[in-house]
Every structure is written in structure tokens, then in C-alpha cells.
PDB file of N, CA and C in Angstrom:
ATOM      1  N   MET A   1     102.912  63.255 111.033  1.00  0.00           N
ATOM      2  CA  MET A   1     103.912  64.248 111.376  1.00  0.00           C
ATOM      3  C   MET A   1     104.412  63.990 112.805  1.00  0.00           C
ATOM      4  N   SER A   2     105.669  64.154 112.985  1.00  0.00           N
ATOM      5  CA  SER A   2     106.303  63.943 114.282  1.00  0.00           C
ATOM      6  C   SER A   2     105.958  65.072 115.253  1.00  0.00           C
ATOM      7  N   ILE A   3     105.819  64.717 116.517  1.00  0.00           N
ATOM      8  CA  ILE A   3     105.538  65.709 117.569  1.00  0.00           C
ATOM      9  C   ILE A   3     106.615  66.786 117.576  1.00  0.00           C
ATOM     10  N   ILE A   4     107.839  66.369 117.406  1.00  0.00           N
ATOM     11  CA  ILE A   4     108.957  67.303 117.512  1.00  0.00           C
ATOM     12  C   ILE A   4     108.914  68.384 116.434  1.00  0.00           C
ATOM     13  N   ASN A   5     108.214  68.127 115.330  1.00  0.00           N
ATOM     14  CA  ASN A   5     108.095  69.140 114.274  1.00  0.00           C
ATOM     15  C   ASN A   5     107.310  70.362 114.732  1.00  0.00           C
ATOM     16  N   ASN A   6     106.470  70.214 115.747  1.00  0.00           N
ATOM     17  CA  ASN A   6     105.690  71.346 116.252  1.00  0.00           C
ATOM     18  C   ASN A   6     106.428  72.148 117.320  1.00  0.00           C
ATOM     19  N   ILE A   7     107.613  71.707 117.694  1.00  0.00           N
ATOM     20  CA  ILE A   7     108.410  72.490 118.640  1.00  0.00           C
ATOM     21  C   ILE A   7     109.051  73.630 117.848  1.00  0.00           C
ATOM     22  N   ASN A   8     108.741  74.833 118.260  1.00  0.00           N
ATOM     23  CA  ASN A   8     109.105  76.029 117.508  1.00  0.00           C
ATOM     24  C   ASN A   8     110.456  76.578 117.959  1.00  0.00           C
ATOM     25  N   LYS A   9     111.380  76.651 117.034  1.00  0.00           N
ATOM     26  CA  LYS A   9     112.731  77.134 117.322  1.00  0.00           C
ATOM     27  C   LYS A   9     112.728  78.591 117.818  1.00  0.00           C
ATOM     28  N   ALA A  10     111.709  79.353 117.453  1.00  0.00           N
ATOM     29  CA  ALA A  10     111.626  80.752 117.891  1.00  0.00           C
ATOM     30  C   ALA A  10     111.513  80.864 119.410  1.00  0.00           C
ATOM     31  N   PHE A  11     111.069  79.787 120.057  1.00  0.00           N
ATOM     32  CA  PHE A  11     110.882  79.811 121.507  1.00  0.00           C
ATOM     33  C   PHE A  11     111.954  78.999 122.235  1.00  0.00           C
ATOM     34  N   ASP A  12     113.096  78.779 121.606  1.00  0.00           N
ATOM     35  CA  ASP A  12     114.109  77.896 122.184  1.00  0.00           C
ATOM     36  C   ASP A  12     114.995  78.543 123.243  1.00  0.00           C
ATOM     37  N   HIS A  13     114.816  79.793 123.522  1.00  0.00           N
ATOM     38  CA  HIS A  13     115.610  80.468 124.554  1.00  0.00           C
ATOM     39  C   HIS A  13     114.705  80.879 125.706  1.00  0.00           C
ATOM     40  N   ARG A  14     115.218  80.817 126.917  1.00  0.00           N
ATOM     41  CA  ARG A  14     114.379  81.106 128.091  1.00  0.00           C
ATOM     42  C   ARG A  14     113.791  82.512 128.068  1.00  0.00           C
ATOM     43  N   VAL A  15     114.514  83.484 127.502  1.00  0.00           N
ATOM     44  CA  VAL A  15     113.990  84.853 127.465  1.00  0.00           C
ATOM     45  C   VAL A  15     112.799  84.931 126.502  1.00  0.00           C
ATOM     46  N   ARG A  16     112.903  84.315 125.337  1.00  0.00           N
ATOM     47  CA  ARG A  16     111.780  84.320 124.388  1.00  0.00           C
ATOM     48  C   ARG A  16     110.592  83.553 124.952  1.00  0.00           C
ATOM     49  N   LEU A  17     110.870  82.434 125.572  1.00  0.00           N
ATOM     50  CA  LEU A  17     109.816  81.650 126.213  1.00  0.00           C
ATOM     51  C   LEU A  17     109.141  82.491 127.293  1.00  0.00           C
ATOM     52  N   GLY A  18     109.946  83.223 128.048  1.00  0.00           N
ATOM     53  CA  GLY A  18     109.423  84.085 129.108  1.00  0.00           C
ATOM     54  C   GLY A  18     108.591  85.235 128.571  1.00  0.00           C
ATOM     55  N   ILE A  19     109.078  85.878 127.516  1.00  0.00           N
ATOM     56  CA  ILE A  19     108.337  86.991 126.914  1.00  0.00           C
ATOM     57  C   ILE A  19     106.955  86.502 126.485  1.00  0.00           C
ATOM     58  N   MET A  20     106.938  85.384 125.767  1.00  0.00           N
ATOM     59  CA  MET A  20     105.651  84.875 125.280  1.00  0.00           C
ATOM     60  C   MET A  20     104.754  84.423 126.430  1.00  0.00           C
ATOM     61  N   SER A  21     105.324  83.816 127.443  1.00  0.00           N
ATOM     62  CA  SER A  21     104.523  83.381 128.599  1.00  0.00           C
ATOM     63  C   SER A  21     103.849  84.565 129.266  1.00  0.00           C
ATOM     64  N   VAL A  22     104.601  85.643 129.455  1.00  0.00           N
ATOM     65  CA  VAL A  22     104.040  86.853 130.079  1.00  0.00           C
ATOM     66  C   VAL A  22     102.938  87.435 129.199  1.00  0.00           C
ATOM     67  N   LEU A  23     103.190  87.483 127.892  1.00  0.00           N
ATOM     68  CA  LEU A  23     102.223  88.108 126.989  1.00  0.00           C
ATOM     69  C   LEU A  23     100.993  87.240 126.722  1.00  0.00           C
ATOM     70  N   MET A  24     101.075  85.956 127.009  1.00  0.00           N
ATOM     71  CA  MET A  24      99.901  85.088 126.851  1.00  0.00           C
ATOM     72  C   MET A  24      98.875  85.340 127.963  1.00  0.00           C
ATOM     73  N   VAL A  25      99.335  85.783 129.127  1.00  0.00           N
ATOM     74  CA  VAL A  25      98.425  85.987 130.254  1.00  0.00           C
ATOM     75  C   VAL A  25      98.183  87.465 130.569  1.00  0.00           C
ATOM     76  N   ASN A  26      98.869  88.347 129.859  1.00  0.00           N
ATOM     77  CA  ASN A  26      98.676  89.790 130.015  1.00  0.00           C
ATOM     78  C   ASN A  26      98.444  90.396 128.635  1.00  0.00           C
ATOM     79  N   GLU A  27      97.583  91.390 128.571  1.00  0.00           N
ATOM     80  CA  GLU A  27      97.314  92.033 127.281  1.00  0.00           C
ATOM     81  C   GLU A  27      98.579  92.648 126.705  1.00  0.00           C
ATOM     82  N   SER A  28      99.401  93.212 127.586  1.00  0.00           N
ATOM     83  CA  SER A  28     100.669  93.795 127.150  1.00  0.00           C
ATOM     84  C   SER A  28     101.602  93.891 128.354  1.00  0.00           C
ATOM     85  N   ALA A  29     102.862  94.145 128.058  1.00  0.00           N
ATOM     86  CA  ALA A  29     103.858  94.368 129.106  1.00  0.00           C
ATOM     87  C   ALA A  29     104.902  95.309 128.541  1.00  0.00           C
ATOM     88  N   ASP A  30     105.397  96.207 129.378  1.00  0.00           N
ATOM     89  CA  ASP A  30     106.417  97.114 128.864  1.00  0.00           C
ATOM     90  C   ASP A  30     107.817  96.547 129.114  1.00  0.00           C
ATOM     91  N   PHE A  31     108.788  97.197 128.501  1.00  0.00           N
ATOM     92  CA  PHE A  31     110.172  96.727 128.533  1.00  0.00           C
ATOM     93  C   PHE A  31     110.673  96.552 129.961  1.00  0.00           C
ATOM     94  N   LYS A  32     110.389  97.531 130.793  1.00  0.00           N
ATOM     95  CA  LYS A  32     110.868  97.487 132.179  1.00  0.00           C
ATOM     96  C   LYS A  32     110.266  96.304 132.941  1.00  0.00           C
ATOM     97  N   GLU A  33     108.973  96.077 132.763  1.00  0.00           N
ATOM     98  CA  GLU A  33     108.311  94.936 133.423  1.00  0.00           C
ATOM     99  C   GLU A  33     108.936  93.611 132.988  1.00  0.00           C
ATOM    100  N   LEU A  34     109.099  93.451 131.672  1.00  0.00           N
ATOM    101  CA  LEU A  34     109.684  92.215 131.160  1.00  0.00           C
ATOM    102  C   LEU A  34     111.109  92.021 131.658  1.00  0.00           C
ATOM    103  N   LYS A  35     111.855  93.099 131.671  1.00  0.00           N
ATOM    104  CA  LYS A  35     113.253  93.041 132.129  1.00  0.00           C
ATOM    105  C   LYS A  35     113.318  92.539 133.576  1.00  0.00           C
ATOM    106  N   GLU A  36     112.451  93.068 134.419  1.00  0.00           N
ATOM    107  CA  GLU A  36     112.436  92.669 135.831  1.00  0.00           C
ATOM    108  C   GLU A  36     111.923  91.241 136.008  1.00  0.00           C
ATOM    109  N   LEU A  37     110.836  90.914 135.332  1.00  0.00           N
ATOM    110  CA  LEU A  37     110.253  89.572 135.461  1.00  0.00           C
ATOM    111  C   LEU A  37     111.199  88.478 134.980  1.00  0.00           C
ATOM    112  N   LEU A  38     111.933  88.758 133.909  1.00  0.00           N
ATOM    113  CA  LEU A  38     112.774  87.740 133.283  1.00  0.00           C
ATOM    114  C   LEU A  38     114.234  87.823 133.713  1.00  0.00           C
ATOM    115  N   ASP A  39     114.550  88.823 134.543  1.00  0.00           N
ATOM    116  CA  ASP A  39     115.924  89.011 135.005  1.00  0.00           C
ATOM    117  C   ASP A  39     116.890  89.036 133.819  1.00  0.00           C
ATOM    118  N   ALA A  40     116.561  89.889 132.851  1.00  0.00           N
ATOM    119  CA  ALA A  40     117.349  90.004 131.623  1.00  0.00           C
ATOM    120  C   ALA A  40     118.020  91.372 131.557  1.00  0.00           C
ATOM    121  N   THR A  41     119.120  91.441 130.821  1.00  0.00           N
ATOM    122  CA  THR A  41     119.772  92.730 130.590  1.00  0.00           C
ATOM    123  C   THR A  41     119.008  93.463 129.484  1.00  0.00           C
ATOM    124  N   ASP A  42     119.252  94.756 129.357  1.00  0.00           N
ATOM    125  CA  ASP A  42     118.600  95.541 128.304  1.00  0.00           C
ATOM    126  C   ASP A  42     118.870  94.940 126.922  1.00  0.00           C
ATOM    127  N   GLY A  43     120.146  94.693 126.638  1.00  0.00           N
ATOM    128  CA  GLY A  43     120.531  94.191 125.325  1.00  0.00           C
ATOM    129  C   GLY A  43     119.970  92.814 125.039  1.00  0.00           C
ATOM    130  N   ASN A  44     119.991  91.942 126.046  1.00  0.00           N
ATOM    131  CA  ASN A  44     119.482  90.584 125.890  1.00  0.00           C
ATOM    132  C   ASN A  44     117.986  90.608 125.606  1.00  0.00           C
ATOM    133  N   LEU A  45     117.239  91.363 126.398  1.00  0.00           N
ATOM    134  CA  LEU A  45     115.798  91.451 126.212  1.00  0.00           C
ATOM    135  C   LEU A  45     115.470  92.059 124.852  1.00  0.00           C
ATOM    136  N   ALA A  46     116.176  93.120 124.489  1.00  0.00           N
ATOM    137  CA  ALA A  46     115.913  93.789 123.213  1.00  0.00           C
ATOM    138  C   ALA A  46     116.154  92.858 122.030  1.00  0.00           C
ATOM    139  N   SER A  47     117.231  92.092 122.071  1.00  0.00           N
ATOM    140  CA  SER A  47     117.528  91.211 120.933  1.00  0.00           C
ATOM    141  C   SER A  47     116.516  90.073 120.822  1.00  0.00           C
ATOM    142  N   HIS A  48     116.079  89.522 121.942  1.00  0.00           N
ATOM    143  CA  HIS A  48     115.088  88.449 121.891  1.00  0.00           C
ATOM    144  C   HIS A  48     113.712  88.981 121.501  1.00  0.00           C
ATOM    145  N   ALA A  49     113.368  90.171 121.959  1.00  0.00           N
ATOM    146  CA  ALA A  49     112.093  90.781 121.557  1.00  0.00           C
ATOM    147  C   ALA A  49     112.115  91.052 120.049  1.00  0.00           C
ATOM    148  N   LYS A  50     113.248  91.508 119.550  1.00  0.00           N
ATOM    149  CA  LYS A  50     113.386  91.783 118.112  1.00  0.00           C
ATOM    150  C   LYS A  50     113.193  90.499 117.300  1.00  0.00           C
ATOM    151  N   ALA A  51     113.735  89.386 117.784  1.00  0.00           N
ATOM    152  CA  ALA A  51     113.581  88.106 117.086  1.00  0.00           C
ATOM    153  C   ALA A  51     112.109  87.699 117.027  1.00  0.00           C
ATOM    154  N   LEU A  52     111.382  87.887 118.121  1.00  0.00           N
ATOM    155  CA  LEU A  52     109.953  87.549 118.139  1.00  0.00           C
ATOM    156  C   LEU A  52     109.153  88.511 117.264  1.00  0.00           C
ATOM    157  N   GLU A  53     109.570  89.765 117.244  1.00  0.00           N
ATOM    158  CA  GLU A  53     108.905  90.758 116.393  1.00  0.00           C
ATOM    159  C   GLU A  53     109.117  90.406 114.914  1.00  0.00           C
ATOM    160  N   LYS A  54     110.310  89.983 114.570  1.00  0.00           N
ATOM    161  CA  LYS A  54     110.633  89.611 113.189  1.00  0.00           C
ATOM    162  C   LYS A  54     109.752  88.452 112.709  1.00  0.00           C
ATOM    163  N   GLU A  55     109.448  87.526 113.609  1.00  0.00           N
ATOM    164  CA  GLU A  55     108.563  86.392 113.292  1.00  0.00           C
ATOM    165  C   GLU A  55     107.094  86.806 113.291  1.00  0.00           C
ATOM    166  N   GLU A  56     106.825  88.054 113.669  1.00  0.00           N
ATOM    167  CA  GLU A  56     105.470  88.601 113.800  1.00  0.00           C
ATOM    168  C   GLU A  56     104.679  87.919 114.910  1.00  0.00           C
ATOM    169  N   TYR A  57     105.399  87.477 115.957  1.00  0.00           N
ATOM    170  CA  TYR A  57     104.764  86.849 117.115  1.00  0.00           C
ATOM    171  C   TYR A  57     104.399  87.880 118.181  1.00  0.00           C
ATOM    172  N   ILE A  58     105.084  89.021 118.167  1.00  0.00           N
ATOM    173  CA  ILE A  58     104.735  90.102 119.091  1.00  0.00           C
ATOM    174  C   ILE A  58     104.649  91.410 118.317  1.00  0.00           C
ATOM    175  N   ALA A  59     103.859  92.323 118.849  1.00  0.00           N
ATOM    176  CA  ALA A  59     103.746  93.670 118.288  1.00  0.00           C
ATOM    177  C   ALA A  59     104.392  94.631 119.280  1.00  0.00           C
ATOM    178  N   VAL A  60     105.015  95.667 118.757  1.00  0.00           N
ATOM    179  CA  VAL A  60     105.714  96.642 119.586  1.00  0.00           C
ATOM    180  C   VAL A  60     105.009  97.989 119.458  1.00  0.00           C
ATOM    181  N   GLN A  61     104.732  98.597 120.611  1.00  0.00           N
ATOM    182  CA  GLN A  61     104.131  99.925 120.630  1.00  0.00           C
ATOM    183  C   GLN A  61     105.089 100.861 121.357  1.00  0.00           C
ATOM    184  N   LYS A  62     105.470 101.935 120.694  1.00  0.00           N
ATOM    185  CA  LYS A  62     106.364 102.912 121.325  1.00  0.00           C
ATOM    186  C   LYS A  62     105.563 104.169 121.615  1.00  0.00           C
ATOM    187  N   SER A  63     105.755 104.695 122.814  1.00  0.00           N
ATOM    188  CA  SER A  63     105.042 105.907 123.216  1.00  0.00           C
ATOM    189  C   SER A  63     105.898 106.668 124.218  1.00  0.00           C
ATOM    190  N   PHE A  64     105.355 107.757 124.692  1.00  0.00           N
ATOM    191  CA  PHE A  64     106.026 108.527 125.740  1.00  0.00           C
ATOM    192  C   PHE A  64     105.118 108.592 126.951  1.00  0.00           C
ATOM    193  N   ILE A  65     105.710 108.419 128.120  1.00  0.00           N
ATOM    194  CA  ILE A  65     105.011 108.636 129.372  1.00  0.00           C
ATOM    195  C   ILE A  65     105.703 109.847 129.978  1.00  0.00           C
ATOM    196  N   GLY A  66     105.002 110.961 129.929  1.00  0.00           N
ATOM    197  CA  GLY A  66     105.670 112.220 130.253  1.00  0.00           C
ATOM    198  C   GLY A  66     106.687 112.488 129.150  1.00  0.00           C
ATOM    199  N   ARG A  67     107.935 112.620 129.524  1.00  0.00           N
ATOM    200  CA  ARG A  67     108.992 112.828 128.529  1.00  0.00           C
ATOM    201  C   ARG A  67     109.839 111.582 128.318  1.00  0.00           C
ATOM    202  N   LYS A  68     109.465 110.504 129.008  1.00  0.00           N
ATOM    203  CA  LYS A  68     110.260 109.281 128.902  1.00  0.00           C
ATOM    204  C   LYS A  68     109.673 108.342 127.849  1.00  0.00           C
ATOM    205  N   PRO A  69     110.526 107.809 126.979  1.00  0.00           N
ATOM    206  CA  PRO A  69     110.041 106.840 126.007  1.00  0.00           C
ATOM    207  C   PRO A  69     109.628 105.538 126.699  1.00  0.00           C
ATOM    208  N   ASN A  70     108.592 104.916 126.192  1.00  0.00           N
ATOM    209  CA  ASN A  70     108.112 103.658 126.758  1.00  0.00           C
ATOM    210  C   ASN A  70     107.842 102.681 125.610  1.00  0.00           C
ATOM    211  N   THR A  71     108.386 101.490 125.733  1.00  0.00           N
ATOM    212  CA  THR A  71     108.158 100.443 124.739  1.00  0.00           C
ATOM    213  C   THR A  71     107.317  99.360 125.376  1.00  0.00           C
ATOM    214  N   SER A  72     106.218  99.050 124.717  1.00  0.00           N
ATOM    215  CA  SER A  72     105.281  98.049 125.222  1.00  0.00           C
ATOM    216  C   SER A  72     105.127  96.956 124.169  1.00  0.00           C
ATOM    217  N   TYR A  73     104.913  95.730 124.634  1.00  0.00           N
ATOM    218  CA  TYR A  73     104.799  94.579 123.747  1.00  0.00           C
ATOM    219  C   TYR A  73     103.476  93.869 123.976  1.00  0.00           C
ATOM    220  N   SER A  74     102.939  93.276 122.925  1.00  0.00           N
ATOM    221  CA  SER A  74     101.752  92.429 123.040  1.00  0.00           C
ATOM    222  C   SER A  74     101.911  91.263 122.070  1.00  0.00           C
ATOM    223  N   ALA A  75     101.299  90.144 122.400  1.00  0.00           N
ATOM    224  CA  ALA A  75     101.350  88.965 121.534  1.00  0.00           C
ATOM    225  C   ALA A  75     100.351  89.148 120.396  1.00  0.00           C
ATOM    226  N   THR A  76     100.755  88.796 119.194  1.00  0.00           N
ATOM    227  CA  THR A  76      99.848  88.838 118.047  1.00  0.00           C
ATOM    228  C   THR A  76      99.039  87.538 118.013  1.00  0.00           C
ATOM    229  N   ARG A  77      98.003  87.507 117.202  1.00  0.00           N
ATOM    230  CA  ARG A  77      97.221  86.275 117.035  1.00  0.00           C
ATOM    231  C   ARG A  77      98.136  85.159 116.527  1.00  0.00           C
ATOM    232  N   LYS A  78      98.985  85.492 115.553  1.00  0.00           N
ATOM    233  CA  LYS A  78      99.937  84.515 115.009  1.00  0.00           C
ATOM    234  C   LYS A  78     100.855  83.987 116.110  1.00  0.00           C
ATOM    235  N   GLY A  79     101.339  84.895 116.960  1.00  0.00           N
ATOM    236  CA  GLY A  79     102.225  84.509 118.050  1.00  0.00           C
ATOM    237  C   GLY A  79     101.532  83.619 119.071  1.00  0.00           C
ATOM    238  N   LYS A  80     100.299  83.972 119.409  1.00  0.00           N
ATOM    239  CA  LYS A  80      99.539  83.161 120.378  1.00  0.00           C
ATOM    240  C   LYS A  80      99.308  81.753 119.849  1.00  0.00           C
ATOM    241  N   ASN A  81      98.940  81.648 118.584  1.00  0.00           N
ATOM    242  CA  ASN A  81      98.704  80.335 117.983  1.00  0.00           C
ATOM    243  C   ASN A  81      99.983  79.510 117.940  1.00  0.00           C
ATOM    244  N   ALA A  82     101.082  80.125 117.531  1.00  0.00           N
ATOM    245  CA  ALA A  82     102.363  79.420 117.453  1.00  0.00           C
ATOM    246  C   ALA A  82     102.814  78.960 118.837  1.00  0.00           C
ATOM    247  N   PHE A  83     102.620  79.809 119.841  1.00  0.00           N
ATOM    248  CA  PHE A  83     103.049  79.462 121.197  1.00  0.00           C
ATOM    249  C   PHE A  83     102.202  78.316 121.753  1.00  0.00           C
ATOM    250  N   LYS A  84     100.894  78.349 121.502  1.00  0.00           N
ATOM    251  CA  LYS A  84     100.015  77.266 121.959  1.00  0.00           C
ATOM    252  C   LYS A  84     100.441  75.940 121.339  1.00  0.00           C
ATOM    253  N   LYS A  85     100.728  75.948 120.039  1.00  0.00           N
ATOM    254  CA  LYS A  85     101.176  74.727 119.361  1.00  0.00           C
ATOM    255  C   LYS A  85     102.491  74.231 119.954  1.00  0.00           C
ATOM    256  N   HIS A  86     103.383  75.161 120.265  1.00  0.00           N
ATOM    257  CA  HIS A  86     104.682  74.828 120.858  1.00  0.00           C
ATOM    258  C   HIS A  86     104.494  74.150 122.221  1.00  0.00           C
ATOM    259  N   ILE A  87     103.656  74.734 123.056  1.00  0.00           N
ATOM    260  CA  ILE A  87     103.402  74.181 124.396  1.00  0.00           C
ATOM    261  C   ILE A  87     102.715  72.820 124.291  1.00  0.00           C
ATOM    262  N   GLU A  88     101.749  72.694 123.389  1.00  0.00           N
ATOM    263  CA  GLU A  88     101.075  71.405 123.192  1.00  0.00           C
ATOM    264  C   GLU A  88     102.066  70.325 122.759  1.00  0.00           C
ATOM    265  N   ALA A  89     102.991  70.682 121.874  1.00  0.00           N
ATOM    266  CA  ALA A  89     103.998  69.723 121.409  1.00  0.00           C
ATOM    267  C   ALA A  89     104.905  69.294 122.567  1.00  0.00           C
ATOM    268  N   LEU A  90     105.288  70.244 123.414  1.00  0.00           N
ATOM    269  CA  LEU A  90     106.120  69.910 124.571  1.00  0.00           C
ATOM    270  C   LEU A  90     105.370  68.984 125.524  1.00  0.00           C
ATOM    271  N   GLU A  91     104.082  69.282 125.738  1.00  0.00           N
ATOM    272  CA  GLU A  91     103.281  68.437 126.630  1.00  0.00           C
ATOM    273  C   GLU A  91     103.167  67.020 126.084  1.00  0.00           C
ATOM    274  N   LYS A  92     102.948  66.888 124.790  1.00  0.00           N
ATOM    275  CA  LYS A  92     102.847  65.558 124.172  1.00  0.00           C
ATOM    276  C   LYS A  92     104.179  64.833 124.278  1.00  0.00           C
ATOM    277  N   LEU A  93     105.255  65.555 124.071  1.00  0.00           N
ATOM    278  CA  LEU A  93     106.588  64.979 124.140  1.00  0.00           C
ATOM    279  C   LEU A  93     106.866  64.453 125.557  1.00  0.00           C
ATOM    280  N   LEU A  94     106.357  65.176 126.544  1.00  0.00           N
ATOM    281  CA  LEU A  94     106.555  64.781 127.942  1.00  0.00           C
ATOM    282  C   LEU A  94     105.505  63.766 128.415  1.00  0.00           C
ATOM    283  N   GLY A  95     104.502  63.517 127.574  1.00  0.00           N
ATOM    284  CA  GLY A  95     103.483  62.539 127.909  1.00  0.00           C
ATOM    285  C   GLY A  95     102.465  63.013 128.914  1.00  0.00           C
ATOM    286  N   ASN A  96     102.241  64.321 128.964  1.00  0.00           N
ATOM    287  CA  ASN A  96     101.321  64.875 129.966  1.00  0.00           C
ATOM    288  C   ASN A  96      99.895  65.020 129.451  1.00  0.00           C
ATOM    289  N   THR A  97      99.625  64.602 128.220  1.00  0.00           N
ATOM    290  CA  THR A  97      98.253  64.763 127.718  1.00  0.00           C
ATOM    291  C   THR A  97      97.627  63.439 127.416  1.00  0.00           C
TER     292      THR A  97
END
């Protein structure tokens, strides 16, 4: 199998790559944190998070903090495995392993 076959199209945008990178090193992150870290607009972040959720790579938890709604994200086991394979494929492609 070719190395390039392990490069996952779900992670082909910098915002999705960023979301997964943050969630790989943190148990969870809320919408506001991700928005600030990734310098993304509300709509841009929401659409990319939705794409990752559709692939079942992230889980979404909605709650209220006081009276304000809060959306928090975490990487699923499936998402973590897919992201690791993606990064490994990129490293092999770049010859770093």
C-alpha cells in the first residue's frame, strides 16, 4: 500500500488539522478556546467541527455555564487513531522516520 493512501482527507484543512492537534494533547476544548487558538471565525470553526463530528473523529458536548450555552469538543478513539495514522503517513512522506 502506498504511503499516500494513509493521508486522511478529513484533515486536509488547517482548521481541522488544528482542531485535532489541540484535542490530541487536551482532554477537551470548548468552542471559544478553539476559535482563539486557531484564529477562526464562528462559521468556519463550526463547519469544520461538524465535518469531524460527521466522521466520528470528535465528540460534542453541549452544556450551560450559568445561563450561557457552552460547546465542548473531545477527540474520539476513532479520531485519535485516524489522526495518528495521518501524521505517521506525513512523516514517512517527508522522510522523517
